[in-house]
C-alpha atoms as a PDB file:
ATOM      1  CA  UNK A   1     -61.845 -45.812  45.005  1.00  0.00           C
ATOM      2  CA  UNK A   2     -60.731 -46.784  41.361  1.00  0.00           C
ATOM      3  CA  UNK A   3     -57.904 -44.626  39.471  1.00  0.00           C
ATOM      4  CA  UNK A   4     -59.401 -46.582  36.123  1.00  0.00           C
ATOM      5  CA  UNK A   5     -60.185 -44.048  33.598  1.00  0.00           C
ATOM      6  CA  UNK A   6     -62.457 -46.659  31.695  1.00  0.00           C
ATOM      7  CA  UNK A   7     -64.871 -47.256  34.452  1.00  0.00           C
ATOM      8  CA  UNK A   8     -67.125 -44.706  36.414  1.00  0.00           C
ATOM      9  CA  UNK A   9     -68.611 -45.977  39.608  1.00  0.00           C
ATOM     10  CA  UNK A  10     -72.105 -45.333  40.001  1.00  0.00           C
ATOM     11  CA  UNK A  11     -72.939 -48.445  42.911  1.00  0.00           C
ATOM     12  CA  UNK A  12     -70.998 -51.076  44.771  1.00  0.00           C
ATOM     13  CA  UNK A  13     -72.421 -54.654  44.475  1.00  0.00           C
ATOM     14  CA  UNK A  14     -71.412 -57.084  47.422  1.00  0.00           C
ATOM     15  CA  UNK A  15     -72.155 -60.473  46.350  1.00  0.00           C
ATOM     16  CA  UNK A  16     -72.179 -63.580  47.548  1.00  0.00           C
ATOM     17  CA  UNK A  17     -69.981 -66.688  46.186  1.00  0.00           C
ATOM     18  CA  UNK A  18     -71.513 -70.218  47.035  1.00  0.00           C
ATOM     19  CA  UNK A  19     -74.818 -70.755  44.804  1.00  0.00           C
ATOM     20  CA  UNK A  20     -74.526 -67.166  44.157  1.00  0.00           C
ATOM     21  CA  UNK A  21     -71.945 -66.930  41.584  1.00  0.00           C
ATOM     22  CA  UNK A  22     -71.401 -71.001  41.201  1.00  0.00           C
ATOM     23  CA  UNK A  23     -72.984 -74.493  42.342  1.00  0.00           C
ATOM     24  CA  UNK A  24     -72.261 -75.307  45.905  1.00  0.00           C
ATOM     25  CA  UNK A  25     -74.665 -77.116  47.805  1.00  0.00           C
ATOM     26  CA  UNK A  26     -76.122 -79.723  45.012  1.00  0.00           C
ATOM     27  CA  UNK A  27     -72.847 -81.270  45.943  1.00  0.00           C
ATOM     28  CA  UNK A  28     -73.474 -81.507  49.239  1.00  0.00           C
ATOM     29  CA  UNK A  29     -76.716 -83.143  48.369  1.00  0.00           C
ATOM     30  CA  UNK A  30     -75.208 -85.945  46.480  1.00  0.00           C
ATOM     31  CA  UNK A  31     -72.770 -87.016  48.993  1.00  0.00           C
ATOM     32  CA  UNK A  32     -75.563 -86.905  51.648  1.00  0.00           C
ATOM     33  CA  UNK A  33     -77.801 -88.897  48.935  1.00  0.00           C
ATOM     34  CA  UNK A  34     -74.976 -91.617  49.091  1.00  0.00           C
ATOM     35  CA  UNK A  35     -75.005 -91.267  52.932  1.00  0.00           C
ATOM     36  CA  UNK A  36     -78.667 -92.679  52.580  1.00  0.00           C
ATOM     37  CA  UNK A  37     -77.999 -95.057  50.648  1.00  0.00           C
ATOM     38  CA  UNK A  38     -75.070 -95.932  52.509  1.00  0.00           C
ATOM     39  CA  UNK A  39     -77.316 -96.713  56.121  1.00  0.00           C
ATOM     40  CA  UNK A  40     -80.151 -98.076  54.467  1.00  0.00           C
ATOM     41  CA  UNK A  41     -79.376-101.703  54.815  1.00  0.00           C
ATOM     42  CA  UNK A  42     -78.625-101.059  58.467  1.00  0.00           C
ATOM     43  CA  UNK A  43     -82.429 -99.952  59.017  1.00  0.00           C
ATOM     44  CA  UNK A  44     -81.699 -96.274  58.840  1.00  0.00           C
ATOM     45  CA  UNK A  45     -84.514 -94.487  57.255  1.00  0.00           C
ATOM     46  CA  UNK A  46     -83.164 -91.502  54.765  1.00  0.00           C
ATOM     47  CA  UNK A  47     -85.224 -88.982  57.201  1.00  0.00           C
ATOM     48  CA  UNK A  48     -84.151 -90.541  60.720  1.00  0.00           C
ATOM     49  CA  UNK A  49     -80.402 -89.982  58.569  1.00  0.00           C
ATOM     50  CA  UNK A  50     -80.793 -86.461  57.833  1.00  0.00           C
ATOM     51  CA  UNK A  51     -82.132 -85.288  61.029  1.00  0.00           C
ATOM     52  CA  UNK A  52     -79.146 -85.890  62.461  1.00  0.00           C
ATOM     53  CA  UNK A  53     -76.730 -85.075  60.113  1.00  0.00           C
ATOM     54  CA  UNK A  54     -78.554 -82.008  60.614  1.00  0.00           C
ATOM     55  CA  UNK A  55     -78.686 -81.814  64.272  1.00  0.00           C
ATOM     56  CA  UNK A  56     -74.626 -82.786  63.857  1.00  0.00           C
ATOM     57  CA  UNK A  57     -73.563 -80.484  61.326  1.00  0.00           C
ATOM     58  CA  UNK A  58     -74.837 -77.222  63.427  1.00  0.00           C
ATOM     59  CA  UNK A  59     -72.492 -78.523  66.062  1.00  0.00           C
ATOM     60  CA  UNK A  60     -69.796 -78.962  63.778  1.00  0.00           C
ATOM     61  CA  UNK A  61     -70.315 -75.363  62.243  1.00  0.00           C
ATOM     62  CA  UNK A  62     -69.727 -73.960  65.606  1.00  0.00           C
ATOM     63  CA  UNK A  63     -66.555 -76.229  66.482  1.00  0.00           C
ATOM     64  CA  UNK A  64     -65.202 -76.342  62.319  1.00  0.00           C
ATOM     65  CA  UNK A  65     -67.151 -73.191  60.899  1.00  0.00           C
ATOM     66  CA  UNK A  66     -68.645 -73.391  57.801  1.00  0.00           C
ATOM     67  CA  UNK A  67     -66.794 -75.672  54.492  1.00  0.00           C
ATOM     68  CA  UNK A  68     -66.006 -79.020  53.497  1.00  0.00           C
ATOM     69  CA  UNK A  69     -63.695 -80.069  56.959  1.00  0.00           C
ATOM     70  CA  UNK A  70     -66.863 -79.418  59.051  1.00  0.00           C
ATOM     71  CA  UNK A  71     -69.290 -81.387  56.857  1.00  0.00           C
ATOM     72  CA  UNK A  72     -67.068 -84.560  56.618  1.00  0.00           C
ATOM     73  CA  UNK A  73     -66.576 -84.667  60.030  1.00  0.00           C
ATOM     74  CA  UNK A  74     -70.347 -84.251  60.867  1.00  0.00           C
ATOM     75  CA  UNK A  75     -70.741 -87.304  58.215  1.00  0.00           C
ATOM     76  CA  UNK A  76     -68.870 -90.045  60.406  1.00  0.00           C
ATOM     77  CA  UNK A  77     -70.085 -88.394  63.536  1.00  0.00           C
ATOM     78  CA  UNK A  78     -73.703 -89.040  62.160  1.00  0.00           C
ATOM     79  CA  UNK A  79     -72.962 -92.339  61.219  1.00  0.00           C
ATOM     80  CA  UNK A  80     -71.275 -93.485  64.159  1.00  0.00           C
ATOM     81  CA  UNK A  81     -74.403 -92.299  66.064  1.00  0.00           C
ATOM     82  CA  UNK A  82     -77.067 -93.384  63.664  1.00  0.00           C
ATOM     83  CA  UNK A  83     -75.603 -97.073  63.603  1.00  0.00           C
ATOM     84  CA  UNK A  84     -75.780 -97.482  67.777  1.00  0.00           C
ATOM     85  CA  UNK A  85     -78.948 -96.444  67.736  1.00  0.00           C
ATOM     86  CA  UNK A  86     -79.363 -99.043  64.776  1.00  0.00           C
ATOM     87  CA  UNK A  87     -78.206-101.298  67.837  1.00  0.00           C
ATOM     88  CA  UNK A  88     -74.566-102.001  65.602  1.00  0.00           C
ATOM     89  CA  UNK A  89     -71.538-100.754  66.986  1.00  0.00           C
ATOM     90  CA  UNK A  90     -69.483 -98.998  64.420  1.00  0.00           C
ATOM     91  CA  UNK A  91     -66.436-100.734  63.239  1.00  0.00           C
ATOM     92  CA  UNK A  92     -63.289 -98.315  61.886  1.00  0.00           C
ATOM     93  CA  UNK A  93     -64.517 -99.755  58.424  1.00  0.00           C
ATOM     94  CA  UNK A  94     -68.113 -98.265  58.922  1.00  0.00           C
ATOM     95  CA  UNK A  95     -66.314 -95.181  59.587  1.00  0.00           C
ATOM     96  CA  UNK A  96     -64.107 -95.116  56.943  1.00  0.00           C
ATOM     97  CA  UNK A  97     -66.779 -95.476  54.755  1.00  0.00           C
ATOM     98  CA  UNK A  98     -69.052 -92.677  55.805  1.00  0.00           C
ATOM     99  CA  UNK A  99     -65.568 -90.337  54.925  1.00  0.00           C
ATOM    100  CA  UNK A 100     -64.870 -91.565  51.682  1.00  0.00           C
ATOM    101  CA  UNK A 101     -68.575 -90.877  51.244  1.00  0.00           C
ATOM    102  CA  UNK A 102     -67.916 -86.779  52.290  1.00  0.00           C
ATOM    103  CA  UNK A 103     -64.616 -87.191  50.834  1.00  0.00           C
ATOM    104  CA  UNK A 104     -65.632 -85.537  47.156  1.00  0.00           C
ATOM    105  CA  UNK A 105     -66.458 -82.357  48.691  1.00  0.00           C
ATOM    106  CA  UNK A 106     -63.185 -81.274  49.172  1.00  0.00           C
ATOM    107  CA  UNK A 107     -62.574 -80.275  45.796  1.00  0.00           C
ATOM    108  CA  UNK A 108     -66.234 -80.171  44.359  1.00  0.00           C
ATOM    109  CA  UNK A 109     -66.775 -79.132  40.656  1.00  0.00           C
ATOM    110  CA  UNK A 110     -66.718 -76.068  39.418  1.00  0.00           C
ATOM    111  CA  UNK A 111     -69.569 -74.859  37.606  1.00  0.00           C
ATOM    112  CA  UNK A 112     -70.496 -71.629  37.322  1.00  0.00           C
ATOM    113  CA  UNK A 113     -74.484 -70.658  37.229  1.00  0.00           C
ATOM    114  CA  UNK A 114     -75.659 -69.188  34.045  1.00  0.00           C
ATOM    115  CA  UNK A 115     -74.425 -65.834  32.918  1.00  0.00           C
ATOM    116  CA  UNK A 116     -72.421 -64.786  36.220  1.00  0.00           C
ATOM    117  CA  UNK A 117     -69.280 -64.245  33.995  1.00  0.00           C
ATOM    118  CA  UNK A 118     -70.730 -62.109  31.333  1.00  0.00           C
ATOM    119  CA  UNK A 119     -73.234 -60.237  34.067  1.00  0.00           C
ATOM    120  CA  UNK A 120     -69.799 -59.261  36.319  1.00  0.00           C
ATOM    121  CA  UNK A 121     -68.101 -58.199  33.194  1.00  0.00           C
ATOM    122  CA  UNK A 122     -71.396 -56.073  31.793  1.00  0.00           C
ATOM    123  CA  UNK A 123     -71.329 -54.652  35.615  1.00  0.00           C
ATOM    124  CA  UNK A 124     -67.762 -53.932  36.753  1.00  0.00           C
ATOM    125  CA  UNK A 125     -67.283 -50.919  34.047  1.00  0.00           C
ATOM    126  CA  UNK A 126     -69.494 -49.264  36.046  1.00  0.00           C
ATOM    127  CA  UNK A 127     -70.018 -50.988  39.897  1.00  0.00           C
ATOM    128  CA  UNK A 128     -67.293 -51.722  42.244  1.00  0.00           C
ATOM    129  CA  UNK A 129     -67.762 -55.446  42.763  1.00  0.00           C
ATOM    130  CA  UNK A 130     -66.441 -56.683  46.150  1.00  0.00           C
ATOM    131  CA  UNK A 131     -66.768 -61.009  46.911  1.00  0.00           C
ATOM    132  CA  UNK A 132     -68.223 -61.223  50.068  1.00  0.00           C
ATOM    133  CA  UNK A 133     -68.200 -64.978  51.481  1.00  0.00           C
ATOM    134  CA  UNK A 134     -68.107 -67.032  54.347  1.00  0.00           C
ATOM    135  CA  UNK A 135     -66.663 -70.394  55.486  1.00  0.00           C
ATOM    136  CA  UNK A 136     -62.971 -71.767  55.215  1.00  0.00           C
ATOM    137  CA  UNK A 137     -60.801 -69.579  53.799  1.00  0.00           C
ATOM    138  CA  UNK A 138     -58.362 -71.905  51.692  1.00  0.00           C
ATOM    139  CA  UNK A 139     -61.511 -73.438  50.595  1.00  0.00           C
ATOM    140  CA  UNK A 140     -63.102 -70.464  49.142  1.00  0.00           C
ATOM    141  CA  UNK A 141     -59.846 -68.679  48.193  1.00  0.00           C
ATOM    142  CA  UNK A 142     -59.312 -71.868  45.941  1.00  0.00           C
ATOM    143  CA  UNK A 143     -62.569 -72.312  44.614  1.00  0.00           C
ATOM    144  CA  UNK A 144     -62.054 -68.113  43.744  1.00  0.00           C
ATOM    145  CA  UNK A 145     -59.171 -69.587  41.631  1.00  0.00           C
ATOM    146  CA  UNK A 146     -60.885 -72.361  39.789  1.00  0.00           C
ATOM    147  CA  UNK A 147     -63.544 -70.081  38.993  1.00  0.00           C
ATOM    148  CA  UNK A 148     -61.395 -67.441  37.110  1.00  0.00           C
ATOM    149  CA  UNK A 149     -63.856 -64.714  38.377  1.00  0.00           C
ATOM    150  CA  UNK A 150     -61.210 -63.402  40.589  1.00  0.00           C
ATOM    151  CA  UNK A 151     -59.614 -60.557  38.639  1.00  0.00           C
ATOM    152  CA  UNK A 152     -63.648 -58.901  37.789  1.00  0.00           C
ATOM    153  CA  UNK A 153     -63.397 -58.124  41.526  1.00  0.00           C
ATOM    154  CA  UNK A 154     -62.068 -55.039  43.122  1.00  0.00           C
ATOM    155  CA  UNK A 155     -61.988 -56.685  46.753  1.00  0.00           C
ATOM    156  CA  UNK A 156     -62.350 -60.010  48.277  1.00  0.00           C
ATOM    157  CA  UNK A 157     -63.540 -61.089  51.995  1.00  0.00           C
ATOM    158  CA  UNK A 158     -64.107 -64.795  53.257  1.00  0.00           C
ATOM    159  CA  UNK A 159     -65.336 -64.180  56.797  1.00  0.00           C
ATOM    160  CA  UNK A 160     -66.199 -67.275  59.283  1.00  0.00           C
ATOM    161  CA  UNK A 161     -70.246 -65.509  59.506  1.00  0.00           C
ATOM    162  CA  UNK A 162     -71.990 -63.128  57.875  1.00  0.00           C
ATOM    163  CA  UNK A 163     -73.874 -60.728  60.126  1.00  0.00           C
ATOM    164  CA  UNK A 164     -74.732 -57.059  60.597  1.00  0.00           C
ATOM    165  CA  UNK A 165     -71.482 -56.100  62.171  1.00  0.00           C
ATOM    166  CA  UNK A 166     -69.367 -58.206  59.162  1.00  0.00           C
ATOM    167  CA  UNK A 167     -71.447 -55.827  56.702  1.00  0.00           C
ATOM    168  CA  UNK A 168     -71.202 -52.518  58.820  1.00  0.00           C
ATOM    169  CA  UNK A 169     -67.456 -53.306  58.609  1.00  0.00           C
ATOM    170  CA  UNK A 170     -67.148 -54.234  55.511  1.00  0.00           C
ATOM    171  CA  UNK A 171     -68.713 -50.843  55.011  1.00  0.00           C
ATOM    172  CA  UNK A 172     -66.642 -48.963  57.070  1.00  0.00           C
ATOM    173  CA  UNK A 173     -63.309 -50.115  55.763  1.00  0.00           C
ATOM    174  CA  UNK A 174     -64.184 -49.171  52.087  1.00  0.00           C
ATOM    175  CA  UNK A 175     -66.420 -45.844  52.933  1.00  0.00           C
ATOM    176  CA  UNK A 176     -69.153 -47.316  51.188  1.00  0.00           C
ATOM    177  CA  UNK A 177     -72.320 -44.897  50.714  1.00  0.00           C
ATOM    178  CA  UNK A 178     -75.655 -47.358  51.930  1.00  0.00           C
ATOM    179  CA  UNK A 179     -77.707 -45.299  48.944  1.00  0.00           C
ATOM    180  CA  UNK A 180     -75.775 -46.680  46.539  1.00  0.00           C
ATOM    181  CA  UNK A 181     -74.620 -50.302  47.962  1.00  0.00           C
ATOM    182  CA  UNK A 182     -76.047 -53.782  47.828  1.00  0.00           C
ATOM    183  CA  UNK A 183     -75.592 -56.877  48.812  1.00  0.00           C
ATOM    184  CA  UNK A 184     -76.791 -59.818  46.599  1.00  0.00           C
ATOM    185  CA  UNK A 185     -77.208 -63.262  47.071  1.00  0.00           C
ATOM    186  CA  UNK A 186     -79.059 -66.338  47.504  1.00  0.00           C
ATOM    187  CA  UNK A 187     -79.321 -66.861  51.357  1.00  0.00           C
ATOM    188  CA  UNK A 188     -82.090 -65.126  53.234  1.00  0.00           C
ATOM    189  CA  UNK A 189     -80.214 -65.575  56.547  1.00  0.00           C
ATOM    190  CA  UNK A 190     -76.393 -64.537  55.531  1.00  0.00           C
ATOM    191  CA  UNK A 191     -77.108 -62.181  52.520  1.00  0.00           C
ATOM    192  CA  UNK A 192     -80.399 -60.491  53.102  1.00  0.00           C
ATOM    193  CA  UNK A 193     -81.346 -59.955  56.515  1.00  0.00           C
ATOM    194  CA  UNK A 194     -78.170 -59.133  57.666  1.00  0.00           C
ATOM    195  CA  UNK A 195     -77.306 -56.176  54.983  1.00  0.00           C
ATOM    196  CA  UNK A 196     -80.708 -54.791  55.836  1.00  0.00           C
ATOM    197  CA  UNK A 197     -80.100 -54.664  59.319  1.00  0.00           C
ATOM    198  CA  UNK A 198     -76.728 -53.246  58.294  1.00  0.00           C
ATOM    199  CA  UNK A 199     -78.405 -50.307  56.590  1.00  0.00           C
ATOM    200  CA  UNK A 200     -77.429 -51.218  53.295  1.00  0.00           C
ATOM    201  CA  UNK A 201     -79.765 -52.499  50.332  1.00  0.00           C
ATOM    202  CA  UNK A 202     -80.325 -56.316  49.130  1.00  0.00           C
ATOM    203  CA  UNK A 203     -80.855 -58.426  45.920  1.00  0.00           C
ATOM    204  CA  UNK A 204     -82.077 -61.592  46.681  1.00  0.00           C
ATOM    205  CA  UNK A 205     -81.352 -64.336  43.763  1.00  0.00           C
ATOM    206  CA  UNK A 206     -82.936 -67.437  45.063  1.00  0.00           C
ATOM    207  CA  UNK A 207     -81.129 -70.969  44.101  1.00  0.00           C
ATOM    208  CA  UNK A 208     -83.645 -74.023  44.095  1.00  0.00           C
ATOM    209  CA  UNK A 209     -80.978 -75.783  46.541  1.00  0.00           C
ATOM    210  CA  UNK A 210     -79.948 -73.668  48.775  1.00  0.00           C
ATOM    211  CA  UNK A 211     -78.897 -74.955  52.343  1.00  0.00           C
ATOM    212  CA  UNK A 212     -81.766 -75.413  54.906  1.00  0.00           C
ATOM    213  CA  UNK A 213     -79.183 -73.739  57.580  1.00  0.00           C
ATOM    214  CA  UNK A 214     -79.953 -70.960  55.183  1.00  0.00           C
ATOM    215  CA  UNK A 215     -83.464 -70.410  54.920  1.00  0.00           C
ATOM    216  CA  UNK A 216     -85.088 -67.455  56.828  1.00  0.00           C
ATOM    217  CA  UNK A 217     -88.313 -65.444  55.721  1.00  0.00           C
ATOM    218  CA  UNK A 218     -87.061 -62.359  54.584  1.00  0.00           C
ATOM    219  CA  UNK A 219     -86.860 -59.687  57.289  1.00  0.00           C
ATOM    220  CA  UNK A 220     -87.972 -56.131  55.480  1.00  0.00           C
ATOM    221  CA  UNK A 221     -89.497 -57.832  52.020  1.00  0.00           C
ATOM    222  CA  UNK A 222     -90.337 -53.920  51.236  1.00  0.00           C
ATOM    223  CA  UNK A 223     -86.086 -52.951  51.129  1.00  0.00           C
ATOM    224  CA  UNK A 224     -85.464 -56.213  49.315  1.00  0.00           C
ATOM    225  CA  UNK A 225     -84.960 -56.485  45.291  1.00  0.00           C
ATOM    226  CA  UNK A 226     -86.373 -60.296  44.011  1.00  0.00           C
ATOM    227  CA  UNK A 227     -84.360 -61.437  41.006  1.00  0.00           C
ATOM    228  CA  UNK A 228     -85.110 -64.665  39.078  1.00  0.00           C
ATOM    229  CA  UNK A 229     -81.165 -65.110  37.660  1.00  0.00           C
ATOM    230  CA  UNK A 230     -77.398 -63.406  38.305  1.00  0.00           C
ATOM    231  CA  UNK A 231     -78.337 -62.312  34.789  1.00  0.00           C
ATOM    232  CA  UNK A 232     -81.475 -59.799  35.438  1.00  0.00           C
ATOM    233  CA  UNK A 233     -78.875 -57.816  37.409  1.00  0.00           C
ATOM    234  CA  UNK A 234     -78.258 -56.333  34.038  1.00  0.00           C
ATOM    235  CA  UNK A 235     -81.630 -54.640  32.970  1.00  0.00           C
ATOM    236  CA  UNK A 236     -81.975 -54.128  36.855  1.00  0.00           C
ATOM    237  CA  UNK A 237     -79.121 -51.579  36.588  1.00  0.00           C
ATOM    238  CA  UNK A 238     -79.296 -50.429  32.691  1.00  0.00           C
ATOM    239  CA  UNK A 239     -76.063 -51.437  32.159  1.00  0.00           C
ATOM    240  CA  UNK A 240     -74.939 -52.554  28.152  1.00  0.00           C
ATOM    241  CA  UNK A 241     -74.549 -56.619  28.043  1.00  0.00           C
ATOM    242  CA  UNK A 242     -71.242 -57.551  27.851  1.00  0.00           C
ATOM    243  CA  UNK A 243     -70.541 -58.626  23.768  1.00  0.00           C
ATOM    244  CA  UNK A 244     -67.157 -60.653  23.770  1.00  0.00           C
ATOM    245  CA  UNK A 245     -64.558 -59.337  21.383  1.00  0.00           C
END
């Protein structure tokens, strides 16, 4: 798998991207908060706006996939629906305002989570590192490029959805040994439970602002290692801390 004489591979880590390596959902939350503020003068309460947006966003995910396009479409459609419920006929100006509120999500700031780069550098000599993220391929590839983390990964996968079959296929394609393969991520729904179902081990790194649609109960908690931060992978696997030259 690796021909580099400076690396002695002992494990494979499949690693999620959004809210595991870098901040993601906080930028959606900021746009959504601005949407609430925009709709409030029309008598639309934040809880009502959020419920409608969540429902419509689940539909747009099925239609447009995960990522910025689906969110922008959901914000515009939710605004149209909520204004009508409030007795206001939506105008092009209303919908343009909603679109402008959501547009920043197309290129959010790139903010790495604490210790991510140093941890990947520390793990790399003994770990085969595989990025496994879902969403719009162009958007995810662009974020990875801006992060500067791309060269640290041996393989990269951007998939429409993450379920047990996807993890089985990646394991089959790469010839992975399940006994020394872990999925690392912040989402019980997409990262942890399906990896366990596929016969892999999993490392759960909770994020305070994980998208509510990614929440789920850990199906087999006895098989899941829970860490306080991504940097805790270093002591978990007993690898030396990365020391910058």
